[in-house]
C-alpha atoms as a PDB file:
ATOM      1  CA  PRO A   1    -144.961 114.027-169.773  1.00  0.00           C
ATOM      2  CA  GLU A   2    -147.064 116.921-168.920  1.00  0.00           C
ATOM      3  CA  ASN A   3    -147.160 116.219-165.217  1.00  0.00           C
ATOM      4  CA  LYS A   4    -144.695 118.203-162.970  1.00  0.00           C
ATOM      5  CA  LEU A   5    -144.569 115.686-160.439  1.00  0.00           C
ATOM      6  CA  LEU A   6    -143.178 112.040-160.626  1.00  0.00           C
ATOM      7  CA  ALA A   7    -145.388 109.228-159.635  1.00  0.00           C
ATOM      8  CA  ILE A   8    -144.217 105.768-158.641  1.00  0.00           C
ATOM      9  CA  THR A   9    -146.553 102.793-158.680  1.00  0.00           C
ATOM     10  CA  THR A  10    -145.804  99.729-156.424  1.00  0.00           C
ATOM     11  CA  LYS A  11    -147.439  97.277-154.581  1.00  0.00           C
ATOM     12  CA  ILE A  12    -146.060  96.878-150.700  1.00  0.00           C
ATOM     13  CA  THR A  13    -145.801  93.340-149.860  1.00  0.00           C
ATOM     14  CA  PRO A  14    -144.512  91.627-146.341  1.00  0.00           C
ATOM     15  CA  GLU A  15    -141.145  90.353-148.278  1.00  0.00           C
ATOM     16  CA  LYS A  16    -140.002  94.077-149.378  1.00  0.00           C
ATOM     17  CA  SER A  17    -137.319  94.419-152.313  1.00  0.00           C
ATOM     18  CA  THR A  18    -134.450  96.664-151.583  1.00  0.00           C
ATOM     19  CA  PHE A  19    -135.969  99.443-154.046  1.00  0.00           C
ATOM     20  CA  LYS A  20    -139.475  99.101-151.972  1.00  0.00           C
ATOM     21  CA  GLN A  21    -137.500  99.141-148.190  1.00  0.00           C
ATOM     22  CA  ALA A  22    -135.856 102.359-149.375  1.00  0.00           C
ATOM     23  CA  LEU A  23    -138.919 103.903-150.954  1.00  0.00           C
ATOM     24  CA  SER A  24    -141.032 103.158-148.015  1.00  0.00           C
ATOM     25  CA  ARG A  25    -138.142 104.972-145.510  1.00  0.00           C
ATOM     26  CA  LEU A  26    -138.319 107.952-147.505  1.00  0.00           C
ATOM     27  CA  GLU A  27    -139.519 110.711-145.818  1.00  0.00           C
ATOM     28  CA  SER A  28    -141.499 113.904-147.508  1.00  0.00           C
ATOM     29  CA  GLY A  29    -139.265 116.568-149.576  1.00  0.00           C
ATOM     30  CA  ALA A  30    -136.316 113.816-149.889  1.00  0.00           C
ATOM     31  CA  LYS A  31    -134.198 114.482-152.555  1.00  0.00           C
ATOM     32  CA  ILE A  32    -133.628 111.306-154.922  1.00  0.00           C
ATOM     33  CA  GLN A  33    -131.466 110.553-157.925  1.00  0.00           C
ATOM     34  CA  MET A  34    -132.767 108.936-161.005  1.00  0.00           C
ATOM     35  CA  ALA A  35    -131.674 107.891-164.638  1.00  0.00           C
ATOM     36  CA  ASN A  36    -133.177 109.348-167.584  1.00  0.00           C
ATOM     37  CA  PRO A  37    -135.987 107.284-169.045  1.00  0.00           C
ATOM     38  CA  MET A  38    -134.945 104.818-171.531  1.00  0.00           C
ATOM     39  CA  GLY A  39    -136.193 101.959-173.767  1.00  0.00           C
ATOM     40  CA  ASP A  40    -138.621 101.446-176.754  1.00  0.00           C
ATOM     41  CA  PHE A  41    -141.800 100.937-174.733  1.00  0.00           C
ATOM     42  CA  VAL A  42    -143.198 104.043-176.210  1.00  0.00           C
ATOM     43  CA  LEU A  43    -145.772 104.774-178.450  1.00  0.00           C
ATOM     44  CA  PRO A  44    -145.084 104.261-182.130  1.00  0.00           C
ATOM     45  CA  LYS A  45    -145.069 107.568-184.098  1.00  0.00           C
ATOM     46  CA  ASP A  46    -147.570 106.261-186.761  1.00  0.00           C
ATOM     47  CA  ARG A  47    -150.754 107.117-185.025  1.00  0.00           C
ATOM     48  CA  SER A  48    -152.762 104.906-186.905  1.00  0.00           C
ATOM     49  CA  LEU A  49    -151.188 101.873-185.728  1.00  0.00           C
ATOM     50  CA  PRO A  50    -153.844  99.852-183.998  1.00  0.00           C
ATOM     51  CA  LEU A  51    -152.593  98.815-180.278  1.00  0.00           C
ATOM     52  CA  LEU A  52    -153.155  96.355-177.624  1.00  0.00           C
ATOM     53  CA  PHE A  53    -152.006  96.709-174.395  1.00  0.00           C
ATOM     54  CA  VAL A  54    -151.785  93.850-171.982  1.00  0.00           C
ATOM     55  CA  GLY A  55    -151.090  94.735-168.235  1.00  0.00           C
ATOM     56  CA  GLY A  56    -150.705  92.480-165.443  1.00  0.00           C
ATOM     57  CA  GLY A  57    -150.634  93.981-161.698  1.00  0.00           C
ATOM     58  CA  VAL A  58    -148.585  97.026-161.289  1.00  0.00           C
ATOM     59  CA  GLY A  59    -147.684  96.456-164.882  1.00  0.00           C
ATOM     60  CA  CYS A  60    -150.770  98.539-165.805  1.00  0.00           C
ATOM     61  CA  THR A  61    -148.457 101.809-164.614  1.00  0.00           C
ATOM     62  CA  PRO A  62    -146.742 102.524-168.233  1.00  0.00           C
ATOM     63  CA  PHE A  63    -150.122 102.239-169.829  1.00  0.00           C
ATOM     64  CA  HIS A  64    -151.727 104.719-167.112  1.00  0.00           C
ATOM     65  CA  SER A  65    -149.032 107.234-168.140  1.00  0.00           C
ATOM     66  CA  ILE A  66    -149.471 106.718-171.818  1.00  0.00           C
ATOM     67  CA  ILE A  67    -153.346 106.844-171.631  1.00  0.00           C
ATOM     68  CA  GLN A  68    -153.081 109.981-169.263  1.00  0.00           C
ATOM     69  CA  HIS A  69    -150.810 111.473-171.708  1.00  0.00           C
ATOM     70  CA  LEU A  70    -153.040 110.813-174.658  1.00  0.00           C
ATOM     71  CA  ASN A  71    -156.028 112.082-172.724  1.00  0.00           C
ATOM     72  CA  GLN A  72    -154.524 115.310-171.723  1.00  0.00           C
ATOM     73  CA  ALA A  73    -152.884 116.285-175.345  1.00  0.00           C
ATOM     74  CA  HIS A  74    -156.729 115.040-176.717  1.00  0.00           C
ATOM     75  CA  GLU A  75    -154.997 112.570-179.195  1.00  0.00           C
ATOM     76  CA  LYS A  76    -157.133 109.777-180.144  1.00  0.00           C
ATOM     77  CA  ARG A  77    -155.735 106.248-181.045  1.00  0.00           C
ATOM     78  CA  ASP A  78    -157.082 102.822-181.708  1.00  0.00           C
ATOM     79  CA  ILE A  79    -156.153 100.863-178.275  1.00  0.00           C
ATOM     80  CA  LYS A  80    -157.550  97.921-176.486  1.00  0.00           C
ATOM     81  CA  PHE A  81    -156.458  97.079-173.232  1.00  0.00           C
ATOM     82  CA  ILE A  82    -156.588  93.931-171.434  1.00  0.00           C
ATOM     83  CA  TYR A  83    -155.960  94.361-167.600  1.00  0.00           C
ATOM     84  CA  SER A  84    -155.324  91.254-165.096  1.00  0.00           C
ATOM     85  CA  ALA A  85    -155.224  91.747-161.492  1.00  0.00           C
ATOM     86  CA  ASN A  86    -155.898  89.365-158.438  1.00  0.00           C
ATOM     87  CA  ASN A  87    -159.162  91.112-157.486  1.00  0.00           C
ATOM     88  CA  LEU A  88    -161.277  94.110-157.799  1.00  0.00           C
ATOM     89  CA  GLU A  89    -159.544  95.832-154.939  1.00  0.00           C
ATOM     90  CA  ASP A  90    -156.204  95.317-157.000  1.00  0.00           C
ATOM     91  CA  VAL A  91    -157.228  97.385-159.871  1.00  0.00           C
ATOM     92  CA  ALA A  92    -155.462 100.580-160.204  1.00  0.00           C
ATOM     93  CA  PHE A  93    -156.226 103.815-162.199  1.00  0.00           C
ATOM     94  CA  LYS A  94    -159.834 102.537-163.304  1.00  0.00           C
ATOM     95  CA  ASP A  95    -160.761 105.806-164.021  1.00  0.00           C
ATOM     96  CA  THR A  96    -158.441 106.488-166.566  1.00  0.00           C
ATOM     97  CA  PHE A  97    -158.750 103.302-168.249  1.00  0.00           C
ATOM     98  CA  GLU A  98    -162.488 103.541-168.465  1.00  0.00           C
ATOM     99  CA  SER A  99    -161.862 106.758-170.603  1.00  0.00           C
ATOM    100  CA  LEU A 100    -160.681 103.960-173.441  1.00  0.00           C
ATOM    101  CA  ARG A 101    -164.490 102.914-173.258  1.00  0.00           C
ATOM    102  CA  ASP A 102    -165.722  99.823-174.731  1.00  0.00           C
ATOM    103  CA  GLY A 103    -161.569  99.036-175.406  1.00  0.00           C
ATOM    104  CA  PHE A 104    -161.050  98.414-171.664  1.00  0.00           C
ATOM    105  CA  GLU A 105    -161.446  94.548-170.249  1.00  0.00           C
ATOM    106  CA  ILE A 106    -160.487  93.393-166.751  1.00  0.00           C
ATOM    107  CA  ALA A 107    -159.510  89.831-166.134  1.00  0.00           C
ATOM    108  CA  LEU A 108    -159.464  88.830-162.487  1.00  0.00           C
ATOM    109  CA  THR A 109    -157.658  85.773-161.271  1.00  0.00           C
ATOM    110  CA  ASN A 110    -159.585  85.702-157.941  1.00  0.00           C
ATOM    111  CA  PRO A 111    -163.281  87.188-158.901  1.00  0.00           C
ATOM    112  CA  PRO A 112    -165.961  87.818-156.473  1.00  0.00           C
ATOM    113  CA  ASP A 113    -168.840  85.417-157.130  1.00  0.00           C
ATOM    114  CA  ASN A 114    -171.037  87.942-158.929  1.00  0.00           C
ATOM    115  CA  TRP A 115    -168.333  89.052-161.049  1.00  0.00           C
ATOM    116  CA  GLY A 116    -169.602  89.104-165.017  1.00  0.00           C
ATOM    117  CA  GLY A 117    -166.217  89.610-166.620  1.00  0.00           C
ATOM    118  CA  LYS A 118    -163.228  87.539-167.518  1.00  0.00           C
ATOM    119  CA  SER A 119    -162.060  85.038-165.006  1.00  0.00           C
ATOM    120  CA  GLY A 120    -158.300  83.578-164.655  1.00  0.00           C
ATOM    121  CA  ARG A 121    -155.382  84.440-166.213  1.00  0.00           C
ATOM    122  CA  ILE A 122    -154.655  86.219-169.540  1.00  0.00           C
ATOM    123  CA  THR A 123    -153.628  83.991-172.270  1.00  0.00           C
ATOM    124  CA  ALA A 124    -152.339  83.923-175.725  1.00  0.00           C
ATOM    125  CA  LYS A 125    -155.608  83.016-176.999  1.00  0.00           C
ATOM    126  CA  ASP A 126    -157.091  86.040-175.347  1.00  0.00           C
ATOM    127  CA  ILE A 127    -154.436  88.192-176.798  1.00  0.00           C
ATOM    128  CA  LEU A 128    -154.746  86.527-180.345  1.00  0.00           C
ATOM    129  CA  LYS A 129    -158.574  87.176-180.236  1.00  0.00           C
ATOM    130  CA  ALA A 130    -158.190  90.881-179.284  1.00  0.00           C
ATOM    131  CA  SER A 131    -155.310  92.032-181.471  1.00  0.00           C
ATOM    132  CA  ASN A 132    -157.087  90.308-184.739  1.00  0.00           C
ATOM    133  CA  SER A 133    -154.601  87.258-184.786  1.00  0.00           C
ATOM    134  CA  GLY A 134    -151.545  89.704-184.164  1.00  0.00           C
ATOM    135  CA  GLN A 135    -152.521  92.654-186.289  1.00  0.00           C
ATOM    136  CA  ARG A 136    -152.357  95.098-183.154  1.00  0.00           C
ATOM    137  CA  ARG A 137    -148.797  96.094-182.052  1.00  0.00           C
ATOM    138  CA  THR A 138    -149.147  94.565-178.867  1.00  0.00           C
ATOM    139  CA  TYR A 139    -147.262  95.765-175.559  1.00  0.00           C
ATOM    140  CA  ILE A 140    -147.013  93.448-172.603  1.00  0.00           C
ATOM    141  CA  SER A 141    -146.318  94.602-169.211  1.00  0.00           C
ATOM    142  CA  GLY A 142    -146.485  92.814-165.773  1.00  0.00           C
ATOM    143  CA  PRO A 143    -144.496  90.053-163.592  1.00  0.00           C
ATOM    144  CA  GLU A 144    -141.479  88.718-165.443  1.00  0.00           C
ATOM    145  CA  PRO A 145    -143.121  85.369-165.907  1.00  0.00           C
ATOM    146  CA  MET A 146    -146.297  86.922-167.324  1.00  0.00           C
ATOM    147  CA  VAL A 147    -144.516  88.503-169.782  1.00  0.00           C
ATOM    148  CA  GLU A 148    -142.204  86.022-170.835  1.00  0.00           C
ATOM    149  CA  THR A 149    -144.806  83.321-171.143  1.00  0.00           C
ATOM    150  CA  LEU A 150    -146.849  85.604-173.405  1.00  0.00           C
ATOM    151  CA  ASP A 151    -144.251  86.788-175.398  1.00  0.00           C
ATOM    152  CA  LYS A 152    -142.945  83.121-176.009  1.00  0.00           C
ATOM    153  CA  GLU A 153    -146.554  82.059-177.042  1.00  0.00           C
ATOM    154  CA  LEU A 154    -147.457  84.469-178.982  1.00  0.00           C
ATOM    155  CA  LYS A 155    -144.239  84.035-181.256  1.00  0.00           C
ATOM    156  CA  ASP A 156    -144.783  80.230-181.237  1.00  0.00           C
ATOM    157  CA  ALA A 157    -148.426  81.348-182.708  1.00  0.00           C
ATOM    158  CA  GLY A 158    -146.636  83.317-185.516  1.00  0.00           C
ATOM    159  CA  VAL A 159    -146.922  86.685-184.475  1.00  0.00           C
ATOM    160  CA  PRO A 160    -144.105  88.618-185.851  1.00  0.00           C
ATOM    161  CA  LYS A 161    -141.396  89.589-183.415  1.00  0.00           C
ATOM    162  CA  HIS A 162    -141.697  93.192-184.324  1.00  0.00           C
ATOM    163  CA  GLN A 163    -145.241  93.391-183.217  1.00  0.00           C
ATOM    164  CA  ILE A 164    -144.772  92.516-179.627  1.00  0.00           C
ATOM    165  CA  LEU A 165    -142.923  94.636-177.036  1.00  0.00           C
ATOM    166  CA  GLY A 166    -142.436  93.271-173.535  1.00  0.00           C
ATOM    167  CA  ASP A 167    -141.793  95.405-170.297  1.00  0.00           C
ATOM    168  CA  PHE A 168    -141.557  93.262-167.173  1.00  0.00           C
ATOM    169  CA  PHE A 169    -141.603  94.023-163.351  1.00  0.00           C
ATOM    170  CA  PRO A 170    -139.141  91.511-161.575  1.00  0.00           C
ATOM    171  CA  GLY A 171    -139.789  90.329-158.295  1.00  0.00           C
ATOM    172  CA  TYR A 172    -143.507  89.838-158.533  1.00  0.00           C
ATOM    173  CA  GLN A 173    -145.260  86.440-159.105  1.00  0.00           C
ATOM    174  CA  THR A 174    -147.207  85.781-162.140  1.00  0.00           C
ATOM    175  CA  ILE A 175    -151.067  87.108-162.111  1.00  0.00           C
END
């Protein structure tokens, strides 16, 4: 909210959506129309609630905005963040996320040979471990199949519905 300019995060692939086609045709200084932000994918008012962010690919974008806001406002929250990307080159906003220090973990689906971190997709088991069996309010953002699968698996594991918030990005394959 402190930024004067709007930033859009996307990954341009050979099979562009109509939105990405229009975005790539924009010229510098072009005017666009947009709707007001809406939804419930926001920080809780209760600052004492522990949070877990789970992002896949460009699904890291809302977390970048939230963490950047908290850093600029000098507001401390108990946040852990698990971020899934295909490879190290696809990790966006790494400097911002590393401000969480020990609360930031990267999972790579195609890690390099010398990778010492988590390999493979993020699972409900990973989330349950990081969230103390669902005790942290969990925000999941990423490709639609990833968000829907993790949401279902967490609910099946007994995590209360009010503890899980999801925001998916349509048109991406799972990470």
